[in-house]
PDB file of N, CA and C in Angstrom:
ATOM      1  N   MET A   1       0.794  -1.104  -0.092  1.00  0.00           N
ATOM      2  CA  MET A   1      -0.118   0.047  -0.082  1.00  0.00           C
ATOM      3  C   MET A   1       0.777   1.227  -0.001  1.00  0.00           C
ATOM      4  N   GLU A   2       0.644   1.780  -0.963  1.00  0.00           N
ATOM      5  CA  GLU A   2       1.861   3.302  -0.589  1.00  0.00           C
ATOM      6  C   GLU A   2       0.633   4.256  -0.136  1.00  0.00           C
ATOM      7  N   THR A   3       1.782   4.819   0.598  1.00  0.00           N
ATOM      8  CA  THR A   3       1.636   6.296   1.719  1.00  0.00           C
ATOM      9  C   THR A   3       2.266   7.545   1.561  1.00  0.00           C
ATOM     10  N   TYR A   4       1.461   8.412   1.584  1.00  0.00           N
ATOM     11  CA  TYR A   4       1.900   9.853   1.471  1.00  0.00           C
ATOM     12  C   TYR A   4       2.450  10.757   2.740  1.00  0.00           C
ATOM     13  N   ARG A   5       3.759  10.898   2.760  1.00  0.00           N
ATOM     14  CA  ARG A   5       4.000  11.582   4.066  1.00  0.00           C
ATOM     15  C   ARG A   5       3.497  13.486   3.865  1.00  0.00           C
ATOM     16  N   TYR A   6       3.424  13.771   5.032  1.00  0.00           N
ATOM     17  CA  TYR A   6       3.342  15.186   5.012  1.00  0.00           C
ATOM     18  C   TYR A   6       3.485  16.030   6.237  1.00  0.00           C
ATOM     19  N   ILE A   7       3.610  17.105   6.431  1.00  0.00           N
ATOM     20  CA  ILE A   7       3.843  17.879   7.379  1.00  0.00           C
ATOM     21  C   ILE A   7       2.703  19.004   7.710  1.00  0.00           C
ATOM     22  N   VAL A   8       2.725  19.731   9.098  1.00  0.00           N
ATOM     23  CA  VAL A   8       1.834  21.104   8.630  1.00  0.00           C
ATOM     24  C   VAL A   8       2.698  21.829   9.067  1.00  0.00           C
ATOM     25  N   ARG A   9       2.527  23.364   8.603  1.00  0.00           N
ATOM     26  CA  ARG A   9       3.610  23.846   8.795  1.00  0.00           C
ATOM     27  C   ARG A   9       2.764  25.408   8.625  1.00  0.00           C
ATOM     28  N   PRO A  10       3.393  26.669   8.702  1.00  0.00           N
ATOM     29  CA  PRO A  10       2.942  27.924   7.932  1.00  0.00           C
ATOM     30  C   PRO A  10       3.162  28.440   6.813  1.00  0.00           C
ATOM     31  N   ALA A  11       2.208  28.900   6.154  1.00  0.00           N
ATOM     32  CA  ALA A  11       2.246  29.230   4.667  1.00  0.00           C
ATOM     33  C   ALA A  11       3.886  30.448   4.464  1.00  0.00           C
ATOM     34  N   GLU A  12       3.983  30.591   3.879  1.00  0.00           N
ATOM     35  CA  GLU A  12       5.252  31.530   3.916  1.00  0.00           C
ATOM     36  C   GLU A  12       4.768  32.901   3.906  1.00  0.00           C
ATOM     37  N   GLU A  13       3.882  33.536   2.942  1.00  0.00           N
ATOM     38  CA  GLU A  13       3.343  34.378   2.419  1.00  0.00           C
ATOM     39  C   GLU A  13       2.387  35.262   3.688  1.00  0.00           C
ATOM     40  N   THR A  14       1.392  33.969   4.276  1.00  0.00           N
ATOM     41  CA  THR A  14       0.427  34.880   4.913  1.00  0.00           C
ATOM     42  C   THR A  14       0.850  33.966   6.384  1.00  0.00           C
ATOM     43  N   GLY A  15       1.523  33.161   6.606  1.00  0.00           N
ATOM     44  CA  GLY A  15       1.393  32.433   8.000  1.00  0.00           C
ATOM     45  C   GLY A  15       0.552  31.593   8.585  1.00  0.00           C
ATOM     46  N   ALA A  16      -0.212  31.062   7.387  1.00  0.00           N
ATOM     47  CA  ALA A  16      -1.772  30.314   7.723  1.00  0.00           C
ATOM     48  C   ALA A  16      -1.164  28.734   7.884  1.00  0.00           C
ATOM     49  N   LEU A  17      -1.753  28.185   8.730  1.00  0.00           N
ATOM     50  CA  LEU A  17      -1.364  27.080   8.337  1.00  0.00           C
ATOM     51  C   LEU A  17      -1.617  26.076   6.953  1.00  0.00           C
ATOM     52  N   LEU A  18      -0.611  25.213   6.640  1.00  0.00           N
ATOM     53  CA  LEU A  18      -1.173  24.250   5.441  1.00  0.00           C
ATOM     54  C   LEU A  18      -0.766  23.117   5.859  1.00  0.00           C
ATOM     55  N   ILE A  19      -1.182  22.107   4.917  1.00  0.00           N
ATOM     56  CA  ILE A  19      -0.473  20.861   4.792  1.00  0.00           C
ATOM     57  C   ILE A  19       0.496  20.640   3.338  1.00  0.00           C
ATOM     58  N   GLU A  20       1.887  20.419   3.947  1.00  0.00           N
ATOM     59  CA  GLU A  20       2.293  20.110   2.517  1.00  0.00           C
ATOM     60  C   GLU A  20       2.538  18.647   2.278  1.00  0.00           C
ATOM     61  N   PHE A  21       2.247  17.793   1.307  1.00  0.00           N
ATOM     62  CA  PHE A  21       2.580  16.523   0.909  1.00  0.00           C
ATOM     63  C   PHE A  21       4.063  16.596   0.853  1.00  0.00           C
ATOM     64  N   LEU A  22       5.145  15.605   1.183  1.00  0.00           N
ATOM     65  CA  LEU A  22       6.252  15.565   1.127  1.00  0.00           C
ATOM     66  C   LEU A  22       7.046  14.820  -0.296  1.00  0.00           C
ATOM     67  N   ASP A  23       5.670  13.394  -0.365  1.00  0.00           N
ATOM     68  CA  ASP A  23       6.275  12.546  -1.382  1.00  0.00           C
ATOM     69  C   ASP A  23       5.277  13.177  -2.639  1.00  0.00           C
ATOM     70  N   LEU A  24       6.055  12.840  -3.847  1.00  0.00           N
ATOM     71  CA  LEU A  24       5.214  13.549  -4.930  1.00  0.00           C
ATOM     72  C   LEU A  24       4.274  11.969  -5.505  1.00  0.00           C
ATOM     73  N   PRO A  25       3.251  11.903  -5.448  1.00  0.00           N
ATOM     74  CA  PRO A  25       1.977  11.132  -6.071  1.00  0.00           C
ATOM     75  C   PRO A  25       2.572  10.011  -7.287  1.00  0.00           C
ATOM     76  N   ALA A  26       3.398   8.425  -7.000  1.00  0.00           N
ATOM     77  CA  ALA A  26       3.169   8.281  -8.044  1.00  0.00           C
ATOM     78  C   ALA A  26       2.134   7.532  -9.011  1.00  0.00           C
ATOM     79  N   ASN A  27       1.040   7.930  -8.499  1.00  0.00           N
ATOM     80  CA  ASN A  27      -0.217   7.393  -9.218  1.00  0.00           C
ATOM     81  C   ASN A  27      -1.365   8.289  -9.627  1.00  0.00           C
ATOM     82  N   LYS A  28      -2.599   8.068  -9.959  1.00  0.00           N
ATOM     83  CA  LYS A  28      -3.608   8.909 -10.327  1.00  0.00           C
ATOM     84  C   LYS A  28      -4.831   8.792  -9.087  1.00  0.00           C
ATOM     85  N   GLU A  29      -4.185   7.997  -7.906  1.00  0.00           N
ATOM     86  CA  GLU A  29      -5.167   7.813  -6.761  1.00  0.00           C
ATOM     87  C   GLU A  29      -5.207   8.361  -5.694  1.00  0.00           C
ATOM     88  N   PHE A  30      -4.258   9.226  -5.338  1.00  0.00           N
ATOM     89  CA  PHE A  30      -3.741   9.980  -4.606  1.00  0.00           C
ATOM     90  C   PHE A  30      -4.944  11.453  -4.207  1.00  0.00           C
ATOM     91  N   ILE A  31      -5.723  11.941  -5.140  1.00  0.00           N
ATOM     92  CA  ILE A  31      -6.994  12.467  -4.885  1.00  0.00           C
ATOM     93  C   ILE A  31      -7.895  12.065  -4.134  1.00  0.00           C
ATOM     94  N   LYS A  32      -7.939  10.371  -4.744  1.00  0.00           N
ATOM     95  CA  LYS A  32      -8.685   9.777  -4.668  1.00  0.00           C
ATOM     96  C   LYS A  32      -8.617   9.221  -2.515  1.00  0.00           C
ATOM     97  N   HIS A  33      -7.508   9.025  -2.297  1.00  0.00           N
ATOM     98  CA  HIS A  33      -7.125   8.827  -1.239  1.00  0.00           C
ATOM     99  C   HIS A  33      -7.597   9.863  -0.097  1.00  0.00           C
ATOM    100  N   ILE A  34      -7.330  11.206  -0.807  1.00  0.00           N
ATOM    101  CA  ILE A  34      -7.301  12.403   0.200  1.00  0.00           C
ATOM    102  C   ILE A  34      -8.965  12.582   0.408  1.00  0.00           C
ATOM    103  N   ILE A  35      -9.705  12.231  -0.423  1.00  0.00           N
ATOM    104  CA  ILE A  35     -11.580  12.266  -0.506  1.00  0.00           C
ATOM    105  C   ILE A  35     -11.582  11.328   0.229  1.00  0.00           C
ATOM    106  N   HIS A  36     -11.559   9.932   0.297  1.00  0.00           N
ATOM    107  CA  HIS A  36     -11.887   8.908   1.337  1.00  0.00           C
ATOM    108  C   HIS A  36     -11.478   9.421   2.463  1.00  0.00           C
ATOM    109  N   ALA A  37     -10.154   9.823   2.682  1.00  0.00           N
ATOM    110  CA  ALA A  37      -9.441  10.039   4.452  1.00  0.00           C
ATOM    111  C   ALA A  37     -10.615  10.854   4.708  1.00  0.00           C
ATOM    112  N   PHE A  38     -10.848  12.256   4.035  1.00  0.00           N
ATOM    113  CA  PHE A  38     -12.175  12.864   4.441  1.00  0.00           C
ATOM    114  C   PHE A  38     -13.631  12.952   4.897  1.00  0.00           C
ATOM    115  N   GLU A  39     -13.791  11.792   3.854  1.00  0.00           N
ATOM    116  CA  GLU A  39     -15.048  11.397   4.255  1.00  0.00           C
ATOM    117  C   GLU A  39     -15.978  11.431   5.208  1.00  0.00           C
ATOM    118  N   SER A  40     -15.724  11.320   6.355  1.00  0.00           N
ATOM    119  CA  SER A  40     -16.237  11.398   7.454  1.00  0.00           C
ATOM    120  C   SER A  40     -17.005  12.746   7.803  1.00  0.00           C
ATOM    121  N   VAL A  41     -16.080  14.025   7.162  1.00  0.00           N
ATOM    122  CA  VAL A  41     -16.571  15.263   7.226  1.00  0.00           C
ATOM    123  C   VAL A  41     -17.370  16.049   5.468  1.00  0.00           C
ATOM    124  N   ASN A  42     -17.951  14.942   5.428  1.00  0.00           N
ATOM    125  CA  ASN A  42     -18.165  14.865   3.955  1.00  0.00           C
ATOM    126  C   ASN A  42     -18.105  16.074   3.141  1.00  0.00           C
ATOM    127  N   VAL A  43     -16.953  15.617   2.750  1.00  0.00           N
ATOM    128  CA  VAL A  43     -16.171  16.458   1.678  1.00  0.00           C
ATOM    129  C   VAL A  43     -16.668  16.417   0.449  1.00  0.00           C
ATOM    130  N   GLN A  44     -16.835  17.515  -0.852  1.00  0.00           N
ATOM    131  CA  GLN A  44     -17.480  17.672  -2.302  1.00  0.00           C
ATOM    132  C   GLN A  44     -16.601  18.775  -2.682  1.00  0.00           C
ATOM    133  N   VAL A  45     -15.769  18.155  -3.663  1.00  0.00           N
ATOM    134  CA  VAL A  45     -15.464  19.005  -4.657  1.00  0.00           C
ATOM    135  C   VAL A  45     -16.516  20.004  -5.596  1.00  0.00           C
ATOM    136  N   VAL A  46     -16.279  21.051  -4.912  1.00  0.00           N
ATOM    137  CA  VAL A  46     -17.068  22.148  -5.521  1.00  0.00           C
ATOM    138  C   VAL A  46     -16.284  22.572  -6.904  1.00  0.00           C
ATOM    139  N   ASN A  47     -15.268  22.748  -6.822  1.00  0.00           N
ATOM    140  CA  ASN A  47     -15.275  23.004  -8.347  1.00  0.00           C
ATOM    141  C   ASN A  47     -13.661  22.963  -8.598  1.00  0.00           C
ATOM    142  N   TYR A  48     -13.289  22.454 -10.243  1.00  0.00           N
ATOM    143  CA  TYR A  48     -11.967  22.233 -10.448  1.00  0.00           C
ATOM    144  C   TYR A  48     -11.159  22.770 -11.411  1.00  0.00           C
ATOM    145  N   GLY A  49      -9.919  23.646 -11.226  1.00  0.00           N
ATOM    146  CA  GLY A  49      -9.344  24.284 -12.239  1.00  0.00           C
ATOM    147  C   GLY A  49      -8.065  23.839 -12.487  1.00  0.00           C
ATOM    148  N   ASP A  50      -7.903  23.569 -14.146  1.00  0.00           N
ATOM    149  CA  ASP A  50      -6.776  23.087 -14.326  1.00  0.00           C
ATOM    150  C   ASP A  50      -6.150  24.086 -14.819  1.00  0.00           C
ATOM    151  N   LEU A  51      -5.158  24.873 -14.229  1.00  0.00           N
ATOM    152  CA  LEU A  51      -4.214  26.070 -14.746  1.00  0.00           C
ATOM    153  C   LEU A  51      -3.143  25.525 -15.700  1.00  0.00           C
ATOM    154  N   TRP A  52      -3.566  24.908 -17.020  1.00  0.00           N
ATOM    155  CA  TRP A  52      -2.697  24.742 -17.540  1.00  0.00           C
ATOM    156  C   TRP A  52      -1.630  25.333 -18.426  1.00  0.00           C
ATOM    157  N   MET A  53      -1.719  26.638 -18.089  1.00  0.00           N
ATOM    158  CA  MET A  53      -0.575  27.491 -18.431  1.00  0.00           C
ATOM    159  C   MET A  53       1.029  26.947 -17.404  1.00  0.00           C
ATOM    160  N   ASN A  54       0.554  26.865 -16.554  1.00  0.00           N
ATOM    161  CA  ASN A  54       1.185  26.789 -15.351  1.00  0.00           C
ATOM    162  C   ASN A  54       1.117  25.540 -14.771  1.00  0.00           C
ATOM    163  N   ASP A  55       0.653  24.465 -15.443  1.00  0.00           N
ATOM    164  CA  ASP A  55       0.524  23.152 -14.923  1.00  0.00           C
ATOM    165  C   ASP A  55       0.276  23.053 -13.672  1.00  0.00           C
ATOM    166  N   GLU A  56      -0.536  23.983 -12.964  1.00  0.00           N
ATOM    167  CA  GLU A  56      -1.162  23.797 -11.956  1.00  0.00           C
ATOM    168  C   GLU A  56      -2.723  23.101 -11.831  1.00  0.00           C
ATOM    169  N   ILE A  57      -2.893  22.764 -10.554  1.00  0.00           N
ATOM    170  CA  ILE A  57      -4.236  22.535 -10.387  1.00  0.00           C
ATOM    171  C   ILE A  57      -4.888  22.727  -9.189  1.00  0.00           C
ATOM    172  N   VAL A  58      -6.272  23.278  -9.287  1.00  0.00           N
ATOM    173  CA  VAL A  58      -6.973  23.774  -8.281  1.00  0.00           C
ATOM    174  C   VAL A  58      -8.313  23.146  -7.684  1.00  0.00           C
ATOM    175  N   LEU A  59      -8.390  22.322  -6.471  1.00  0.00           N
ATOM    176  CA  LEU A  59      -9.472  21.668  -6.304  1.00  0.00           C
ATOM    177  C   LEU A  59     -10.374  22.640  -5.132  1.00  0.00           C
ATOM    178  N   ASN A  60     -11.292  22.997  -5.293  1.00  0.00           N
ATOM    179  CA  ASN A  60     -12.036  23.947  -4.131  1.00  0.00           C
ATOM    180  C   ASN A  60     -13.211  22.848  -3.551  1.00  0.00           C
ATOM    181  N   ALA A  61     -12.974  22.714  -2.342  1.00  0.00           N
ATOM    182  CA  ALA A  61     -13.960  22.033  -1.631  1.00  0.00           C
ATOM    183  C   ALA A  61     -14.861  22.324  -0.447  1.00  0.00           C
ATOM    184  N   SER A  62     -15.357  21.744  -0.073  1.00  0.00           N
ATOM    185  CA  SER A  62     -16.583  22.540   0.774  1.00  0.00           C
ATOM    186  C   SER A  62     -16.780  20.909   1.674  1.00  0.00           C
ATOM    187  N   SER A  63     -17.033  20.771   3.236  1.00  0.00           N
ATOM    188  CA  SER A  63     -17.368  20.082   4.014  1.00  0.00           C
ATOM    189  C   SER A  63     -17.779  20.498   5.264  1.00  0.00           C
ATOM    190  N   ASP A  64     -17.913  19.271   6.362  1.00  0.00           N
ATOM    191  CA  ASP A  64     -18.694  19.909   7.275  1.00  0.00           C
ATOM    192  C   ASP A  64     -17.966  20.917   8.367  1.00  0.00           C
ATOM    193  N   ILE A  65     -16.464  20.753   8.417  1.00  0.00           N
ATOM    194  CA  ILE A  65     -15.294  21.626   8.868  1.00  0.00           C
ATOM    195  C   ILE A  65     -15.339  23.466   8.171  1.00  0.00           C
ATOM    196  N   GLY A  66     -16.411  23.459   7.118  1.00  0.00           N
ATOM    197  CA  GLY A  66     -15.558  24.620   6.359  1.00  0.00           C
ATOM    198  C   GLY A  66     -15.027  24.070   4.623  1.00  0.00           C
ATOM    199  N   PRO A  67     -14.532  25.447   4.014  1.00  0.00           N
ATOM    200  CA  PRO A  67     -14.110  25.123   2.826  1.00  0.00           C
ATOM    201  C   PRO A  67     -12.697  24.910   2.985  1.00  0.00           C
ATOM    202  N   PHE A  68     -12.230  24.213   1.917  1.00  0.00           N
ATOM    203  CA  PHE A  68     -10.672  24.381   2.270  1.00  0.00           C
ATOM    204  C   PHE A  68     -10.023  23.616   0.639  1.00  0.00           C
ATOM    205  N   THR A  69      -9.124  24.224   0.043  1.00  0.00           N
ATOM    206  CA  THR A  69      -8.508  23.980  -1.540  1.00  0.00           C
ATOM    207  C   THR A  69      -7.350  23.235  -1.434  1.00  0.00           C
ATOM    208  N   ILE A  70      -7.353  21.792  -2.026  1.00  0.00           N
ATOM    209  CA  ILE A  70      -6.200  20.777  -2.347  1.00  0.00           C
ATOM    210  C   ILE A  70      -5.792  21.847  -3.674  1.00  0.00           C
ATOM    211  N   PHE A  71      -4.432  21.790  -3.627  1.00  0.00           N
ATOM    212  CA  PHE A  71      -3.681  22.635  -4.573  1.00  0.00           C
ATOM    213  C   PHE A  71      -2.198  21.935  -5.300  1.00  0.00           C
ATOM    214  N   ARG A  72      -2.605  21.546  -6.392  1.00  0.00           N
ATOM    215  CA  ARG A  72      -0.894  21.093  -6.974  1.00  0.00           C
ATOM    216  C   ARG A  72       0.027  22.088  -7.591  1.00  0.00           C
ATOM    217  N   ASP A  73       1.262  22.182  -7.348  1.00  0.00           N
ATOM    218  CA  ASP A  73       1.908  23.402  -8.108  1.00  0.00           C
ATOM    219  C   ASP A  73       2.566  23.039  -9.256  1.00  0.00           C
ATOM    220  N   ALA A  74       3.461  23.633  -9.979  1.00  0.00           N
ATOM    221  CA  ALA A  74       3.976  23.239 -10.942  1.00  0.00           C
ATOM    222  C   ALA A  74       4.873  22.228 -11.233  1.00  0.00           C
ATOM    223  N   ALA A  75       5.646  22.148  -9.839  1.00  0.00           N
ATOM    224  CA  ALA A  75       6.721  21.032  -9.900  1.00  0.00           C
ATOM    225  C   ALA A  75       6.144  19.672  -9.110  1.00  0.00           C
ATOM    226  N   ASP A  76       5.056  19.194  -9.452  1.00  0.00           N
ATOM    227  CA  ASP A  76       4.121  18.345  -8.749  1.00  0.00           C
ATOM    228  C   ASP A  76       3.763  18.491  -7.133  1.00  0.00           C
ATOM    229  N   TYR A  77       3.876  19.179  -6.454  1.00  0.00           N
ATOM    230  CA  TYR A  77       3.753  19.114  -5.324  1.00  0.00           C
ATOM    231  C   TYR A  77       2.213  19.406  -4.798  1.00  0.00           C
ATOM    232  N   TYR A  78       1.731  18.852  -4.063  1.00  0.00           N
ATOM    233  CA  TYR A  78       0.668  18.994  -3.199  1.00  0.00           C
ATOM    234  C   TYR A  78       0.817  19.676  -1.862  1.00  0.00           C
ATOM    235  N   PHE A  79      -0.505  20.671  -1.718  1.00  0.00           N
ATOM    236  CA  PHE A  79      -0.887  21.466  -0.525  1.00  0.00           C
ATOM    237  C   PHE A  79      -2.359  21.264  -0.503  1.00  0.00           C
ATOM    238  N   ILE A  80      -2.431  21.578   1.306  1.00  0.00           N
ATOM    239  CA  ILE A  80      -3.944  21.868   1.421  1.00  0.00           C
ATOM    240  C   ILE A  80      -4.161  23.123   2.168  1.00  0.00           C
ATOM    241  N   THR A  81      -4.638  24.165   1.810  1.00  0.00           N
ATOM    242  CA  THR A  81      -5.294  25.225   2.621  1.00  0.00           C
ATOM    243  C   THR A  81      -6.417  25.741   2.675  1.00  0.00           C
ATOM    244  N   ALA A  82      -6.369  26.590   3.828  1.00  0.00           N
ATOM    245  CA  ALA A  82      -7.673  26.850   4.273  1.00  0.00           C
ATOM    246  C   ALA A  82      -7.423  28.449   4.852  1.00  0.00           C
ATOM    247  N   ASN A  83      -7.411  29.006   3.920  1.00  0.00           N
ATOM    248  CA  ASN A  83      -7.204  30.613   3.998  1.00  0.00           C
ATOM    249  C   ASN A  83      -8.263  31.249   5.189  1.00  0.00           C
ATOM    250  N   ASP A  84      -9.422  31.250   4.628  1.00  0.00           N
ATOM    251  CA  ASP A  84     -10.568  31.636   5.374  1.00  0.00           C
ATOM    252  C   ASP A  84     -11.070  30.749   5.983  1.00  0.00           C
ATOM    253  N   ASN A  85     -10.788  29.791   6.624  1.00  0.00           N
ATOM    254  CA  ASN A  85     -11.233  28.871   7.589  1.00  0.00           C
ATOM    255  C   ASN A  85      -9.862  28.433   8.260  1.00  0.00           C
ATOM    256  N   PRO A  86      -9.020  28.793   8.899  1.00  0.00           N
ATOM    257  CA  PRO A  86      -7.994  28.488   9.795  1.00  0.00           C
ATOM    258  C   PRO A  86      -8.137  27.264  10.423  1.00  0.00           C
ATOM    259  N   GLY A  87      -9.307  27.075  11.498  1.00  0.00           N
ATOM    260  CA  GLY A  87      -9.689  25.600  12.368  1.00  0.00           C
ATOM    261  C   GLY A  87      -9.879  24.427  11.315  1.00  0.00           C
ATOM    262  N   ALA A  88     -10.118  24.442   9.888  1.00  0.00           N
ATOM    263  CA  ALA A  88      -9.652  23.146   9.337  1.00  0.00           C
ATOM    264  C   ALA A  88      -8.556  22.451   9.295  1.00  0.00           C
ATOM    265  N   ILE A  89      -7.234  23.507   9.209  1.00  0.00           N
ATOM    266  CA  ILE A  89      -6.311  22.254   8.885  1.00  0.00           C
ATOM    267  C   ILE A  89      -5.839  21.732  10.341  1.00  0.00           C
ATOM    268  N   PRO A  90      -6.033  22.172  11.316  1.00  0.00           N
ATOM    269  CA  PRO A  90      -5.886  20.790  12.053  1.00  0.00           C
ATOM    270  C   PRO A  90      -7.011  19.871  12.325  1.00  0.00           C
ATOM    271  N   LYS A  91      -8.433  20.239  11.877  1.00  0.00           N
ATOM    272  CA  LYS A  91      -8.662  18.721  11.946  1.00  0.00           C
ATOM    273  C   LYS A  91      -8.783  18.117  10.701  1.00  0.00           C
ATOM    274  N   LEU A  92      -8.310  18.863   9.502  1.00  0.00           N
ATOM    275  CA  LEU A  92      -7.893  17.922   8.213  1.00  0.00           C
ATOM    276  C   LEU A  92      -6.722  16.901   8.626  1.00  0.00           C
ATOM    277  N   ASP A  93      -5.513  17.652   9.452  1.00  0.00           N
ATOM    278  CA  ASP A  93      -4.517  16.847   9.849  1.00  0.00           C
ATOM    279  C   ASP A  93      -4.826  15.954  10.681  1.00  0.00           C
ATOM    280  N   ALA A  94      -5.762  15.761  11.863  1.00  0.00           N
ATOM    281  CA  ALA A  94      -6.072  14.478  12.357  1.00  0.00           C
ATOM    282  C   ALA A  94      -6.555  13.384  11.496  1.00  0.00           C
ATOM    283  N   LEU A  95      -7.368  13.797  10.588  1.00  0.00           N
ATOM    284  CA  LEU A  95      -8.440  12.751   9.632  1.00  0.00           C
ATOM    285  C   LEU A  95      -6.819  12.108   8.851  1.00  0.00           C
ATOM    286  N   LEU A  96      -6.263  12.919   8.336  1.00  0.00           N
ATOM    287  CA  LEU A  96      -5.203  12.346   7.766  1.00  0.00           C
ATOM    288  C   LEU A  96      -4.041  11.332   8.325  1.00  0.00           C
ATOM    289  N   ALA A  97      -4.025  11.878   9.623  1.00  0.00           N
ATOM    290  CA  ALA A  97      -3.012  10.891  10.480  1.00  0.00           C
ATOM    291  C   ALA A  97      -4.071   9.556  11.128  1.00  0.00           C
ATOM    292  N   ALA A  98      -5.181   9.433  10.928  1.00  0.00           N
ATOM    293  CA  ALA A  98      -5.725   8.343  11.401  1.00  0.00           C
ATOM    294  C   ALA A  98      -6.277   7.566   9.899  1.00  0.00           C
ATOM    295  N   ALA A  99      -5.785   8.094   8.685  1.00  0.00           N
ATOM    296  CA  ALA A  99      -5.593   7.334   7.447  1.00  0.00           C
ATOM    297  C   ALA A  99      -4.706   6.400   7.036  1.00  0.00           C
ATOM    298  N   ALA A 100      -5.314   4.992   6.314  1.00  0.00           N
ATOM    299  CA  ALA A 100      -3.956   4.655   6.382  1.00  0.00           C
ATOM    300  C   ALA A 100      -2.795   5.052   5.231  1.00  0.00           C
ATOM    301  N   HIS A 101      -3.717   5.695   4.076  1.00  0.00           N
ATOM    302  CA  HIS A 101      -2.423   5.840   3.272  1.00  0.00           C
ATOM    303  C   HIS A 101      -1.837   6.983   3.852  1.00  0.00           C
ATOM    304  N   PHE A 102      -1.723   7.764   4.401  1.00  0.00           N
ATOM    305  CA  PHE A 102      -0.976   8.862   4.790  1.00  0.00           C
ATOM    306  C   PHE A 102      -0.304   8.790   6.051  1.00  0.00           C
ATOM    307  N   ARG A 103       0.774   9.574   6.354  1.00  0.00           N
ATOM    308  CA  ARG A 103       1.936   9.765   7.490  1.00  0.00           C
ATOM    309  C   ARG A 103       2.596  10.909   7.856  1.00  0.00           C
ATOM    310  N   LYS A 104       2.411  11.612   9.508  1.00  0.00           N
ATOM    311  CA  LYS A 104       2.803  12.724   9.050  1.00  0.00           C
ATOM    312  C   LYS A 104       4.243  12.888   9.532  1.00  0.00           C
ATOM    313  N   ALA A 105       4.979  13.417   8.939  1.00  0.00           N
ATOM    314  CA  ALA A 105       6.591  13.576   8.961  1.00  0.00           C
ATOM    315  C   ALA A 105       6.843  14.261   9.850  1.00  0.00           C
TER     316      ALA A 105
END
């Protein structure tokens, strides 16, 4: 079973907490594993943006703990942010820590 390591840290520009995944996903199951880890808070992808010029992806999600964003940058690293909902990151962290496919570094 593939596992993904992550950390929780402050964002460089805003200081708001974010989740950064340290392992580059080797397969397309990564987003499916994230959504599955968050299913207890009824996560739903609200919209999906593929910023093809920058090779970035943005998934905006809603959940019982509020909105958050899953972002893939041009270097294929993934982040979860919740700039307008700072209480969500510790809760999402706890859900990832309890999920089989994720391990806090």
